[in-house]
C-alpha atoms as a PDB file:
ATOM      1  CA  UNK A   1     118.719 158.978 183.901  1.00  0.00           C
ATOM      2  CA  UNK A   2     118.190 155.259 184.466  1.00  0.00           C
ATOM      3  CA  UNK A   3     115.511 155.197 181.755  1.00  0.00           C
ATOM      4  CA  UNK A   4     117.855 156.828 179.257  1.00  0.00           C
ATOM      5  CA  UNK A   5     120.624 154.368 180.065  1.00  0.00           C
ATOM      6  CA  UNK A   6     118.236 151.403 179.492  1.00  0.00           C
ATOM      7  CA  UNK A   7     117.104 152.788 176.147  1.00  0.00           C
ATOM      8  CA  UNK A   8     120.701 153.398 175.068  1.00  0.00           C
ATOM      9  CA  UNK A   9     121.721 149.851 176.006  1.00  0.00           C
ATOM     10  CA  UNK A  10     118.730 148.338 174.179  1.00  0.00           C
ATOM     11  CA  UNK A  11     119.545 150.389 171.085  1.00  0.00           C
ATOM     12  CA  UNK A  12     123.191 149.282 171.080  1.00  0.00           C
ATOM     13  CA  UNK A  13     122.196 145.615 171.508  1.00  0.00           C
ATOM     14  CA  UNK A  14     119.711 145.856 168.630  1.00  0.00           C
ATOM     15  CA  UNK A  15     122.341 147.506 166.411  1.00  0.00           C
ATOM     16  CA  UNK A  16     124.887 144.821 167.271  1.00  0.00           C
ATOM     17  CA  UNK A  17     122.417 142.088 166.499  1.00  0.00           C
ATOM     18  CA  UNK A  18     121.582 143.694 163.191  1.00  0.00           C
ATOM     19  CA  UNK A  19     125.232 144.138 162.181  1.00  0.00           C
ATOM     20  CA  UNK A  20     126.133 140.577 163.127  1.00  0.00           C
ATOM     21  CA  UNK A  21     123.448 139.146 160.865  1.00  0.00           C
ATOM     22  CA  UNK A  22     125.032 138.672 157.421  1.00  0.00           C
ATOM     23  CA  UNK A  23     123.116 140.063 154.475  1.00  0.00           C
ATOM     24  CA  UNK A  24     121.654 137.447 152.178  1.00  0.00           C
ATOM     25  CA  UNK A  25     123.388 137.692 148.826  1.00  0.00           C
ATOM     26  CA  UNK A  26     120.978 138.336 145.996  1.00  0.00           C
ATOM     27  CA  UNK A  27     121.408 135.728 143.341  1.00  0.00           C
ATOM     28  CA  UNK A  28     120.885 135.584 139.581  1.00  0.00           C
ATOM     29  CA  UNK A  29     117.644 133.938 138.495  1.00  0.00           C
ATOM     30  CA  UNK A  30     117.491 130.342 137.370  1.00  0.00           C
ATOM     31  CA  UNK A  31     117.043 129.898 133.598  1.00  0.00           C
ATOM     32  CA  UNK A  32     115.182 127.102 131.822  1.00  0.00           C
ATOM     33  CA  UNK A  33     115.406 127.303 128.036  1.00  0.00           C
ATOM     34  CA  UNK A  34     114.221 125.552 124.908  1.00  0.00           C
ATOM     35  CA  UNK A  35     116.366 126.019 121.775  1.00  0.00           C
ATOM     36  CA  UNK A  36     115.157 124.857 118.393  1.00  0.00           C
ATOM     37  CA  UNK A  37     117.072 125.104 115.143  1.00  0.00           C
ATOM     38  CA  UNK A  38     115.457 123.909 111.911  1.00  0.00           C
ATOM     39  CA  UNK A  39     115.773 124.610 108.179  1.00  0.00           C
ATOM     40  CA  UNK A  40     112.196 123.861 107.056  1.00  0.00           C
ATOM     41  CA  UNK A  41     111.107 127.444 107.709  1.00  0.00           C
ATOM     42  CA  UNK A  42     114.187 128.638 105.820  1.00  0.00           C
ATOM     43  CA  UNK A  43     113.079 126.400 102.895  1.00  0.00           C
ATOM     44  CA  UNK A  44     116.485 124.665 102.948  1.00  0.00           C
ATOM     45  CA  UNK A  45     115.939 121.039 103.950  1.00  0.00           C
ATOM     46  CA  UNK A  46     119.526 119.803 103.890  1.00  0.00           C
ATOM     47  CA  UNK A  47     122.910 119.540 105.706  1.00  0.00           C
ATOM     48  CA  UNK A  48     122.436 120.643 109.344  1.00  0.00           C
ATOM     49  CA  UNK A  49     118.671 120.219 109.375  1.00  0.00           C
ATOM     50  CA  UNK A  50     117.437 120.148 112.989  1.00  0.00           C
ATOM     51  CA  UNK A  51     118.611 120.658 116.534  1.00  0.00           C
ATOM     52  CA  UNK A  52     116.670 120.706 119.808  1.00  0.00           C
ATOM     53  CA  UNK A  53     118.163 121.459 123.232  1.00  0.00           C
ATOM     54  CA  UNK A  54     116.592 121.803 126.649  1.00  0.00           C
ATOM     55  CA  UNK A  55     118.794 123.566 129.147  1.00  0.00           C
ATOM     56  CA  UNK A  56     118.643 124.542 132.840  1.00  0.00           C
ATOM     57  CA  UNK A  57     121.206 126.461 134.890  1.00  0.00           C
ATOM     58  CA  UNK A  58     121.395 128.768 137.826  1.00  0.00           C
ATOM     59  CA  UNK A  59     123.446 130.145 140.701  1.00  0.00           C
ATOM     60  CA  UNK A  60     123.348 127.101 142.923  1.00  0.00           C
ATOM     61  CA  UNK A  61     125.339 126.996 146.179  1.00  0.00           C
ATOM     62  CA  UNK A  62     127.267 124.050 144.869  1.00  0.00           C
ATOM     63  CA  UNK A  63     128.558 126.113 141.919  1.00  0.00           C
ATOM     64  CA  UNK A  64     130.353 128.554 144.278  1.00  0.00           C
ATOM     65  CA  UNK A  65     131.732 125.605 146.264  1.00  0.00           C
ATOM     66  CA  UNK A  66     133.085 124.137 143.050  1.00  0.00           C
ATOM     67  CA  UNK A  67     134.669 127.513 142.201  1.00  0.00           C
ATOM     68  CA  UNK A  68     136.384 127.630 145.616  1.00  0.00           C
ATOM     69  CA  UNK A  69     137.692 124.094 145.083  1.00  0.00           C
ATOM     70  CA  UNK A  70     139.138 125.177 141.720  1.00  0.00           C
ATOM     71  CA  UNK A  71     140.741 128.246 143.362  1.00  0.00           C
ATOM     72  CA  UNK A  72     138.666 130.739 141.367  1.00  0.00           C
ATOM     73  CA  UNK A  73     138.165 134.256 142.761  1.00  0.00           C
ATOM     74  CA  UNK A  74     135.397 134.960 145.231  1.00  0.00           C
ATOM     75  CA  UNK A  75     133.496 138.150 146.145  1.00  0.00           C
ATOM     76  CA  UNK A  76     130.150 139.682 145.301  1.00  0.00           C
ATOM     77  CA  UNK A  77     131.190 140.492 141.712  1.00  0.00           C
ATOM     78  CA  UNK A  78     132.085 136.931 140.790  1.00  0.00           C
ATOM     79  CA  UNK A  79     129.039 134.762 140.083  1.00  0.00           C
ATOM     80  CA  UNK A  80     129.158 131.058 139.361  1.00  0.00           C
ATOM     81  CA  UNK A  81     126.357 129.178 137.651  1.00  0.00           C
ATOM     82  CA  UNK A  82     126.025 125.530 136.710  1.00  0.00           C
ATOM     83  CA  UNK A  83     123.403 123.291 135.123  1.00  0.00           C
ATOM     84  CA  UNK A  84     122.760 120.701 132.474  1.00  0.00           C
ATOM     85  CA  UNK A  85     121.347 120.164 129.004  1.00  0.00           C
ATOM     86  CA  UNK A  86     119.792 117.442 126.872  1.00  0.00           C
ATOM     87  CA  UNK A  87     119.944 117.767 123.065  1.00  0.00           C
ATOM     88  CA  UNK A  88     119.558 116.024 119.734  1.00  0.00           C
ATOM     89  CA  UNK A  89     121.105 117.144 116.416  1.00  0.00           C
ATOM     90  CA  UNK A  90     120.657 115.714 112.945  1.00  0.00           C
ATOM     91  CA  UNK A  91     122.584 116.153 109.721  1.00  0.00           C
ATOM     92  CA  UNK A  92     121.632 115.097 106.198  1.00  0.00           C
ATOM     93  CA  UNK A  93     123.032 115.147 102.631  1.00  0.00           C
ATOM     94  CA  UNK A  94     122.455 118.012 100.208  1.00  0.00           C
ATOM     95  CA  UNK A  95     119.337 116.153  99.045  1.00  0.00           C
ATOM     96  CA  UNK A  96     117.159 113.883 101.199  1.00  0.00           C
ATOM     97  CA  UNK A  97     115.290 112.250  98.292  1.00  0.00           C
ATOM     98  CA  UNK A  98     116.855 110.743  95.145  1.00  0.00           C
ATOM     99  CA  UNK A  99     116.415 112.142  91.648  1.00  0.00           C
ATOM    100  CA  UNK A 100     114.222 109.950  89.321  1.00  0.00           C
ATOM    101  CA  UNK A 101     117.234 108.542  87.416  1.00  0.00           C
ATOM    102  CA  UNK A 102     119.679 108.330  90.402  1.00  0.00           C
ATOM    103  CA  UNK A 103     120.969 104.750  90.777  1.00  0.00           C
ATOM    104  CA  UNK A 104     123.015 105.253  93.975  1.00  0.00           C
ATOM    105  CA  UNK A 105     121.596 107.243  96.877  1.00  0.00           C
ATOM    106  CA  UNK A 106     122.758 108.795  99.066  1.00  0.00           C
ATOM    107  CA  UNK A 107     125.674 110.076  97.050  1.00  0.00           C
ATOM    108  CA  UNK A 108     128.924 108.713  98.685  1.00  0.00           C
ATOM    109  CA  UNK A 109     130.596 112.021  97.877  1.00  0.00           C
ATOM    110  CA  UNK A 110     127.948 113.985  99.780  1.00  0.00           C
ATOM    111  CA  UNK A 111     127.580 114.655 103.432  1.00  0.00           C
ATOM    112  CA  UNK A 112     126.379 111.422 105.182  1.00  0.00           C
ATOM    113  CA  UNK A 113     123.267 111.153 107.282  1.00  0.00           C
ATOM    114  CA  UNK A 114     124.206 111.578 110.956  1.00  0.00           C
ATOM    115  CA  UNK A 115     122.464 111.868 114.326  1.00  0.00           C
ATOM    116  CA  UNK A 116     123.753 112.871 117.762  1.00  0.00           C
ATOM    117  CA  UNK A 117     121.961 112.527 121.125  1.00  0.00           C
ATOM    118  CA  UNK A 118     123.864 114.082 123.984  1.00  0.00           C
ATOM    119  CA  UNK A 119     123.734 115.537 127.468  1.00  0.00           C
ATOM    120  CA  UNK A 120     126.032 118.107 129.005  1.00  0.00           C
ATOM    121  CA  UNK A 121     127.189 119.812 132.189  1.00  0.00           C
ATOM    122  CA  UNK A 122     127.635 123.581 132.146  1.00  0.00           C
ATOM    123  CA  UNK A 123     129.788 125.723 134.451  1.00  0.00           C
ATOM    124  CA  UNK A 124     129.769 129.482 134.024  1.00  0.00           C
ATOM    125  CA  UNK A 125     131.680 132.370 135.570  1.00  0.00           C
ATOM    126  CA  UNK A 126     130.036 135.766 135.200  1.00  0.00           C
ATOM    127  CA  UNK A 127     131.857 138.861 136.361  1.00  0.00           C
ATOM    128  CA  UNK A 128     129.509 141.683 137.372  1.00  0.00           C
ATOM    129  CA  UNK A 129     131.460 144.822 136.456  1.00  0.00           C
ATOM    130  CA  UNK A 130     130.463 148.151 137.908  1.00  0.00           C
ATOM    131  CA  UNK A 131     130.082 149.395 134.369  1.00  0.00           C
ATOM    132  CA  UNK A 132     128.285 147.103 131.900  1.00  0.00           C
ATOM    133  CA  UNK A 133     131.295 147.046 129.515  1.00  0.00           C
ATOM    134  CA  UNK A 134     133.499 145.712 132.309  1.00  0.00           C
ATOM    135  CA  UNK A 135     131.354 142.589 132.724  1.00  0.00           C
ATOM    136  CA  UNK A 136     132.351 139.282 131.205  1.00  0.00           C
ATOM    137  CA  UNK A 137     131.252 135.665 130.913  1.00  0.00           C
ATOM    138  CA  UNK A 138     133.187 132.418 130.648  1.00  0.00           C
ATOM    139  CA  UNK A 139     131.220 129.267 129.780  1.00  0.00           C
ATOM    140  CA  UNK A 140     132.694 125.764 130.073  1.00  0.00           C
ATOM    141  CA  UNK A 141     130.793 122.675 128.936  1.00  0.00           C
ATOM    142  CA  UNK A 142     131.419 118.925 128.974  1.00  0.00           C
ATOM    143  CA  UNK A 143     129.203 116.911 126.672  1.00  0.00           C
ATOM    144  CA  UNK A 144     128.771 113.139 126.367  1.00  0.00           C
ATOM    145  CA  UNK A 145     126.438 111.265 124.017  1.00  0.00           C
ATOM    146  CA  UNK A 146     126.038 108.818 121.182  1.00  0.00           C
ATOM    147  CA  UNK A 147     125.987 109.011 117.384  1.00  0.00           C
ATOM    148  CA  UNK A 148     124.301 106.759 114.877  1.00  0.00           C
ATOM    149  CA  UNK A 149     120.973 104.849 115.025  1.00  0.00           C
ATOM    150  CA  UNK A 150     121.063 104.965 118.849  1.00  0.00           C
ATOM    151  CA  UNK A 151     120.611 108.763 118.670  1.00  0.00           C
ATOM    152  CA  UNK A 152     117.063 108.336 117.323  1.00  0.00           C
ATOM    153  CA  UNK A 153     117.629 111.064 114.699  1.00  0.00           C
ATOM    154  CA  UNK A 154     116.103 109.098 111.823  1.00  0.00           C
ATOM    155  CA  UNK A 155     112.845 108.415 113.688  1.00  0.00           C
ATOM    156  CA  UNK A 156     112.734 112.058 114.871  1.00  0.00           C
ATOM    157  CA  UNK A 157     113.098 113.558 111.372  1.00  0.00           C
ATOM    158  CA  UNK A 158     110.558 111.248 109.765  1.00  0.00           C
ATOM    159  CA  UNK A 159     108.079 111.927 112.547  1.00  0.00           C
ATOM    160  CA  UNK A 160     108.678 115.686 112.336  1.00  0.00           C
ATOM    161  CA  UNK A 161     108.195 115.788 108.537  1.00  0.00           C
ATOM    162  CA  UNK A 162     105.027 113.684 108.740  1.00  0.00           C
ATOM    163  CA  UNK A 163     103.662 115.996 111.432  1.00  0.00           C
ATOM    164  CA  UNK A 164     104.420 119.096 109.370  1.00  0.00           C
ATOM    165  CA  UNK A 165     102.711 117.576 106.349  1.00  0.00           C
ATOM    166  CA  UNK A 166      99.616 116.672 108.333  1.00  0.00           C
ATOM    167  CA  UNK A 167      99.369 120.259 109.642  1.00  0.00           C
ATOM    168  CA  UNK A 168     100.155 122.381 106.609  1.00  0.00           C
ATOM    169  CA  UNK A 169      99.952 120.121 103.594  1.00  0.00           C
ATOM    170  CA  UNK A 170     101.409 116.872 102.227  1.00  0.00           C
ATOM    171  CA  UNK A 171     104.133 118.609 100.205  1.00  0.00           C
ATOM    172  CA  UNK A 172     105.491 120.938 102.911  1.00  0.00           C
ATOM    173  CA  UNK A 173     108.227 118.554 104.035  1.00  0.00           C
ATOM    174  CA  UNK A 174     109.708 115.670 102.111  1.00  0.00           C
ATOM    175  CA  UNK A 175     110.053 112.276 103.834  1.00  0.00           C
ATOM    176  CA  UNK A 176     113.813 111.525 103.933  1.00  0.00           C
ATOM    177  CA  UNK A 177     115.280 108.502 102.143  1.00  0.00           C
ATOM    178  CA  UNK A 178     118.625 106.933 103.093  1.00  0.00           C
ATOM    179  CA  UNK A 179     118.880 107.040 106.874  1.00  0.00           C
ATOM    180  CA  UNK A 180     119.790 103.354 106.699  1.00  0.00           C
ATOM    181  CA  UNK A 181     123.242 104.463 105.552  1.00  0.00           C
ATOM    182  CA  UNK A 182     123.815 106.948 108.392  1.00  0.00           C
ATOM    183  CA  UNK A 183     127.066 107.132 110.417  1.00  0.00           C
ATOM    184  CA  UNK A 184     127.368 104.198 112.823  1.00  0.00           C
ATOM    185  CA  UNK A 185     126.692 104.149 116.518  1.00  0.00           C
ATOM    186  CA  UNK A 186     129.609 105.092 118.808  1.00  0.00           C
ATOM    187  CA  UNK A 187     130.123 107.089 122.002  1.00  0.00           C
ATOM    188  CA  UNK A 188     130.955 110.739 121.457  1.00  0.00           C
ATOM    189  CA  UNK A 189     132.179 113.504 123.768  1.00  0.00           C
ATOM    190  CA  UNK A 190     133.698 116.961 123.654  1.00  0.00           C
ATOM    191  CA  UNK A 191     134.664 119.900 125.875  1.00  0.00           C
ATOM    192  CA  UNK A 192     134.062 123.541 124.951  1.00  0.00           C
ATOM    193  CA  UNK A 193     134.989 126.967 126.296  1.00  0.00           C
ATOM    194  CA  UNK A 194     133.620 130.317 125.300  1.00  0.00           C
ATOM    195  CA  UNK A 195     134.708 133.764 126.581  1.00  0.00           C
ATOM    196  CA  UNK A 196     132.516 136.837 125.983  1.00  0.00           C
ATOM    197  CA  UNK A 197     132.968 140.500 126.897  1.00  0.00           C
ATOM    198  CA  UNK A 198     131.414 143.781 125.754  1.00  0.00           C
ATOM    199  CA  UNK A 199     133.682 146.002 123.706  1.00  0.00           C
ATOM    200  CA  UNK A 200     131.170 148.859 123.737  1.00  0.00           C
ATOM    201  CA  UNK A 201     127.983 149.256 125.772  1.00  0.00           C
ATOM    202  CA  UNK A 202     125.206 151.851 125.976  1.00  0.00           C
ATOM    203  CA  UNK A 203     121.484 151.533 126.767  1.00  0.00           C
ATOM    204  CA  UNK A 204     120.678 151.527 123.062  1.00  0.00           C
ATOM    205  CA  UNK A 205     123.643 149.772 121.338  1.00  0.00           C
ATOM    206  CA  UNK A 206     126.374 147.398 122.369  1.00  0.00           C
ATOM    207  CA  UNK A 207     129.152 145.368 120.742  1.00  0.00           C
ATOM    208  CA  UNK A 208     130.479 142.133 122.259  1.00  0.00           C
ATOM    209  CA  UNK A 209     133.470 140.006 121.179  1.00  0.00           C
ATOM    210  CA  UNK A 210     133.838 136.314 121.803  1.00  0.00           C
ATOM    211  CA  UNK A 211     136.496 133.609 121.495  1.00  0.00           C
ATOM    212  CA  UNK A 212     136.093 129.879 122.006  1.00  0.00           C
ATOM    213  CA  UNK A 213     137.362 126.398 121.362  1.00  0.00           C
ATOM    214  CA  UNK A 214     136.049 122.790 121.219  1.00  0.00           C
ATOM    215  CA  UNK A 215     138.003 119.598 121.766  1.00  0.00           C
ATOM    216  CA  UNK A 216     136.787 115.985 121.604  1.00  0.00           C
ATOM    217  CA  UNK A 217     135.644 113.231 119.281  1.00  0.00           C
ATOM    218  CA  UNK A 218     132.815 115.321 117.793  1.00  0.00           C
ATOM    219  CA  UNK A 219     134.361 118.724 117.119  1.00  0.00           C
ATOM    220  CA  UNK A 220     137.839 120.193 117.284  1.00  0.00           C
ATOM    221  CA  UNK A 221     137.939 123.876 116.388  1.00  0.00           C
ATOM    222  CA  UNK A 222     138.786 127.398 117.494  1.00  0.00           C
ATOM    223  CA  UNK A 223     136.531 130.429 116.927  1.00  0.00           C
ATOM    224  CA  UNK A 224     136.319 134.177 117.152  1.00  0.00           C
ATOM    225  CA  UNK A 225     133.204 136.285 116.752  1.00  0.00           C
ATOM    226  CA  UNK A 226     131.194 139.338 117.650  1.00  0.00           C
ATOM    227  CA  UNK A 227     127.633 140.518 118.293  1.00  0.00           C
ATOM    228  CA  UNK A 228     126.009 143.919 117.726  1.00  0.00           C
ATOM    229  CA  UNK A 229     122.690 144.674 119.455  1.00  0.00           C
ATOM    230  CA  UNK A 230     120.469 147.729 118.816  1.00  0.00           C
ATOM    231  CA  UNK A 231     117.391 148.596 120.792  1.00  0.00           C
ATOM    232  CA  UNK A 232     116.386 148.939 124.447  1.00  0.00           C
ATOM    233  CA  UNK A 233     119.161 147.064 126.317  1.00  0.00           C
ATOM    234  CA  UNK A 234     119.521 145.845 129.860  1.00  0.00           C
ATOM    235  CA  UNK A 235     122.875 144.937 131.370  1.00  0.00           C
ATOM    236  CA  UNK A 236     124.651 142.074 129.612  1.00  0.00           C
ATOM    237  CA  UNK A 237     124.442 138.479 130.832  1.00  0.00           C
ATOM    238  CA  UNK A 238     121.257 139.001 132.818  1.00  0.00           C
ATOM    239  CA  UNK A 239     123.016 140.995 135.592  1.00  0.00           C
ATOM    240  CA  UNK A 240     120.416 143.739 136.005  1.00  0.00           C
ATOM    241  CA  UNK A 241     118.460 142.155 138.903  1.00  0.00           C
ATOM    242  CA  UNK A 242     121.533 141.883 141.157  1.00  0.00           C
ATOM    243  CA  UNK A 243     123.497 145.042 140.318  1.00  0.00           C
ATOM    244  CA  UNK A 244     121.927 147.377 142.921  1.00  0.00           C
ATOM    245  CA  UNK A 245     122.890 144.917 145.671  1.00  0.00           C
ATOM    246  CA  UNK A 246     126.362 144.407 144.166  1.00  0.00           C
ATOM    247  CA  UNK A 247     127.021 148.173 144.121  1.00  0.00           C
ATOM    248  CA  UNK A 248     125.753 148.632 147.683  1.00  0.00           C
ATOM    249  CA  UNK A 249     127.999 145.836 148.900  1.00  0.00           C
ATOM    250  CA  UNK A 250     131.063 147.262 147.138  1.00  0.00           C
ATOM    251  CA  UNK A 251     130.397 150.715 148.617  1.00  0.00           C
ATOM    252  CA  UNK A 252     129.915 149.251 152.106  1.00  0.00           C
ATOM    253  CA  UNK A 253     133.393 147.713 151.836  1.00  0.00           C
ATOM    254  CA  UNK A 254     135.114 151.056 151.364  1.00  0.00           C
ATOM    255  CA  UNK A 255     137.268 152.227 154.235  1.00  0.00           C
ATOM    256  CA  UNK A 256     136.221 155.541 155.833  1.00  0.00           C
ATOM    257  CA  UNK A 257     137.685 158.414 153.846  1.00  0.00           C
ATOM    258  CA  UNK A 258     138.806 156.153 150.981  1.00  0.00           C
ATOM    259  CA  UNK A 259     138.797 157.885 147.655  1.00  0.00           C
ATOM    260  CA  UNK A 260     135.798 156.868 145.533  1.00  0.00           C
ATOM    261  CA  UNK A 261     136.848 157.845 142.044  1.00  0.00           C
ATOM    262  CA  UNK A 262     135.181 154.609 140.851  1.00  0.00           C
ATOM    263  CA  UNK A 263     132.036 155.312 142.800  1.00  0.00           C
ATOM    264  CA  UNK A 264     128.919 154.506 140.776  1.00  0.00           C
ATOM    265  CA  UNK A 265     125.617 155.857 142.025  1.00  0.00           C
ATOM    266  CA  UNK A 266     122.769 153.450 142.420  1.00  0.00           C
ATOM    267  CA  UNK A 267     120.489 153.760 139.445  1.00  0.00           C
ATOM    268  CA  UNK A 268     117.368 152.064 138.139  1.00  0.00           C
ATOM    269  CA  UNK A 269     118.256 149.013 136.130  1.00  0.00           C
ATOM    270  CA  UNK A 270     116.109 148.255 133.095  1.00  0.00           C
ATOM    271  CA  UNK A 271     114.158 145.095 133.872  1.00  0.00           C
ATOM    272  CA  UNK A 272     113.124 144.391 130.295  1.00  0.00           C
ATOM    273  CA  UNK A 273     114.812 144.611 126.885  1.00  0.00           C
ATOM    274  CA  UNK A 274     113.911 144.438 123.186  1.00  0.00           C
ATOM    275  CA  UNK A 275     116.494 144.568 120.432  1.00  0.00           C
ATOM    276  CA  UNK A 276     117.657 143.563 116.975  1.00  0.00           C
ATOM    277  CA  UNK A 277     120.986 141.797 116.656  1.00  0.00           C
ATOM    278  CA  UNK A 278     123.611 140.748 114.149  1.00  0.00           C
ATOM    279  CA  UNK A 279     126.176 138.076 115.066  1.00  0.00           C
ATOM    280  CA  UNK A 280     129.128 136.645 113.228  1.00  0.00           C
ATOM    281  CA  UNK A 281     131.592 133.867 113.921  1.00  0.00           C
ATOM    282  CA  UNK A 282     134.544 132.302 112.098  1.00  0.00           C
ATOM    283  CA  UNK A 283     135.804 128.854 113.022  1.00  0.00           C
ATOM    284  CA  UNK A 284     139.051 127.117 112.114  1.00  0.00           C
ATOM    285  CA  UNK A 285     138.039 123.466 111.928  1.00  0.00           C
ATOM    286  CA  UNK A 286     140.355 120.528 112.639  1.00  0.00           C
ATOM    287  CA  UNK A 287     137.624 117.887 113.062  1.00  0.00           C
ATOM    288  CA  UNK A 288     133.960 117.567 112.388  1.00  0.00           C
ATOM    289  CA  UNK A 289     132.629 114.045 113.058  1.00  0.00           C
ATOM    290  CA  UNK A 290     129.655 114.565 110.717  1.00  0.00           C
ATOM    291  CA  UNK A 291     132.052 115.159 107.804  1.00  0.00           C
ATOM    292  CA  UNK A 292     135.221 113.271 108.814  1.00  0.00           C
ATOM    293  CA  UNK A 293     133.250 110.220 109.963  1.00  0.00           C
ATOM    294  CA  UNK A 294     133.246 108.322 113.232  1.00  0.00           C
ATOM    295  CA  UNK A 295     136.528 107.886 115.102  1.00  0.00           C
ATOM    296  CA  UNK A 296     136.340 104.255 116.334  1.00  0.00           C
ATOM    297  CA  UNK A 297     134.426 102.587 113.470  1.00  0.00           C
ATOM    298  CA  UNK A 298     134.760 102.763 109.660  1.00  0.00           C
ATOM    299  CA  UNK A 299     132.240 105.125 108.029  1.00  0.00           C
ATOM    300  CA  UNK A 300     131.645 107.464 105.134  1.00  0.00           C
ATOM    301  CA  UNK A 301     133.698 110.643 105.192  1.00  0.00           C
ATOM    302  CA  UNK A 302     134.001 113.690 102.943  1.00  0.00           C
ATOM    303  CA  UNK A 303     136.677 116.380 102.804  1.00  0.00           C
ATOM    304  CA  UNK A 304     135.803 119.347 105.030  1.00  0.00           C
ATOM    305  CA  UNK A 305     136.418 123.053 104.540  1.00  0.00           C
ATOM    306  CA  UNK A 306     139.125 124.229 106.998  1.00  0.00           C
ATOM    307  CA  UNK A 307     137.383 127.552 107.701  1.00  0.00           C
ATOM    308  CA  UNK A 308     133.615 127.944 108.274  1.00  0.00           C
ATOM    309  CA  UNK A 309     131.684 131.148 108.908  1.00  0.00           C
ATOM    310  CA  UNK A 310     128.287 131.863 110.483  1.00  0.00           C
ATOM    311  CA  UNK A 311     126.241 135.066 110.260  1.00  0.00           C
ATOM    312  CA  UNK A 312     123.012 135.439 112.197  1.00  0.00           C
ATOM    313  CA  UNK A 313     120.340 138.156 112.193  1.00  0.00           C
ATOM    314  CA  UNK A 314     117.370 138.263 114.498  1.00  0.00           C
ATOM    315  CA  UNK A 315     115.401 139.896 117.303  1.00  0.00           C
ATOM    316  CA  UNK A 316     114.882 139.196 120.977  1.00  0.00           C
ATOM    317  CA  UNK A 317     112.497 140.385 123.690  1.00  0.00           C
ATOM    318  CA  UNK A 318     112.559 139.886 127.465  1.00  0.00           C
ATOM    319  CA  UNK A 319     110.104 140.982 130.065  1.00  0.00           C
ATOM    320  CA  UNK A 320     109.255 139.641 133.500  1.00  0.00           C
ATOM    321  CA  UNK A 321     110.326 136.040 133.666  1.00  0.00           C
ATOM    322  CA  UNK A 322     110.179 135.260 129.953  1.00  0.00           C
ATOM    323  CA  UNK A 323     112.560 135.763 127.004  1.00  0.00           C
ATOM    324  CA  UNK A 324     111.938 135.089 123.325  1.00  0.00           C
ATOM    325  CA  UNK A 325     114.422 135.175 120.429  1.00  0.00           C
ATOM    326  CA  UNK A 326     114.106 134.426 116.754  1.00  0.00           C
ATOM    327  CA  UNK A 327     116.917 134.508 114.215  1.00  0.00           C
ATOM    328  CA  UNK A 328     118.125 133.312 110.785  1.00  0.00           C
ATOM    329  CA  UNK A 329     121.593 131.732 110.561  1.00  0.00           C
ATOM    330  CA  UNK A 330     123.572 131.669 107.286  1.00  0.00           C
ATOM    331  CA  UNK A 331     126.447 129.148 107.329  1.00  0.00           C
ATOM    332  CA  UNK A 332     129.172 128.905 104.719  1.00  0.00           C
ATOM    333  CA  UNK A 333     129.805 125.640 102.902  1.00  0.00           C
ATOM    334  CA  UNK A 334     131.319 123.039 105.280  1.00  0.00           C
ATOM    335  CA  UNK A 335     132.342 120.605 102.543  1.00  0.00           C
ATOM    336  CA  UNK A 336     135.540 121.338 100.584  1.00  0.00           C
ATOM    337  CA  UNK A 337     134.139 119.538  97.491  1.00  0.00           C
ATOM    338  CA  UNK A 338     130.323 119.712  97.568  1.00  0.00           C
ATOM    339  CA  UNK A 339     128.570 117.517  94.969  1.00  0.00           C
ATOM    340  CA  UNK A 340     126.820 120.595  93.676  1.00  0.00           C
ATOM    341  CA  UNK A 341     129.386 123.452  93.188  1.00  0.00           C
ATOM    342  CA  UNK A 342     126.516 125.945  93.152  1.00  0.00           C
ATOM    343  CA  UNK A 343     125.599 124.989  96.690  1.00  0.00           C
ATOM    344  CA  UNK A 344     127.375 127.830  98.462  1.00  0.00           C
ATOM    345  CA  UNK A 345     126.137 127.265 101.969  1.00  0.00           C
ATOM    346  CA  UNK A 346     123.157 126.679 104.212  1.00  0.00           C
ATOM    347  CA  UNK A 347     120.608 128.592 106.249  1.00  0.00           C
ATOM    348  CA  UNK A 348     118.296 127.705 109.142  1.00  0.00           C
ATOM    349  CA  UNK A 349     116.089 129.401 111.662  1.00  0.00           C
ATOM    350  CA  UNK A 350     116.800 129.538 115.390  1.00  0.00           C
ATOM    351  CA  UNK A 351     114.123 129.888 118.054  1.00  0.00           C
ATOM    352  CA  UNK A 352     114.762 130.344 121.814  1.00  0.00           C
ATOM    353  CA  UNK A 353     112.225 130.412 124.637  1.00  0.00           C
ATOM    354  CA  UNK A 354     113.470 131.006 128.175  1.00  0.00           C
ATOM    355  CA  UNK A 355     111.835 131.082 131.602  1.00  0.00           C
ATOM    356  CA  UNK A 356     113.642 133.039 134.314  1.00  0.00           C
ATOM    357  CA  UNK A 357     112.675 132.061 137.852  1.00  0.00           C
END
């Protein structure tokens, strides 16, 4: 009898110790990415010609602390990520070398040369819905940087074109002429917000809508868009690794006897994905520094188109800790009065490499 009492007491103490130890919340992986956009592969060396961005973000403890300070909702389904980025973008006229008989170059009625070096802070709220279509993502970014010669865009483009020529042939990329007349140096900043949510989701096809806005000295616009993916799909927004623990936590919070009409059985989450995608976006543009000119100093400016559209087609693959994406972007004409009326728009390739850790 005494032996049984001792065993029962030890069992109760062990159970109490286990129940008093809080479970460690499983977090989303950190993401480090390289984004490269360039028009050389698209054989369209003009307008928005190159962009490089290095980005890192993750579910740091400080992100949730910031969310609490801002009064945002808590709980296992609400995930908060933050991080930073460093990027350089460059813009050129419709032609980067003059015609043989051209007396004035660059054309003052064409898009001016412009460079932009900038860094940013990212804050993201991801809602892990029980069903994939109930998930959502809100991304906020604050960006500060500098335009003009201080951005280093002229040196970067010349170096890049010389490197391409040395690798694949001396006529592959033309050496640009006219960077001396680029937009002047001045500080630049803007804030952006983007909301995304699936409209339809299945393991083989999904449709996501998005809406966003930008406000600052660089861009002022509002946008709406959508993305269709077809292939072998995991949960949106990288939520697959944490969903089993999220569902278990939600089920553990149910009161005894509570109806579980929303109950979702634990299921194997696909840890990899491979798909084709098509994406479209329409922007209503109130300001574009690289067409309107700098805000604080006099500069060249051209009249912009009030509405600009992007369409993108590509493929992406993710397995283990790596993700790869390659796409082609077609952008409508951003100038209201292009020097060449036959120049309907622009295209460039987009490459993304990500490491999830």
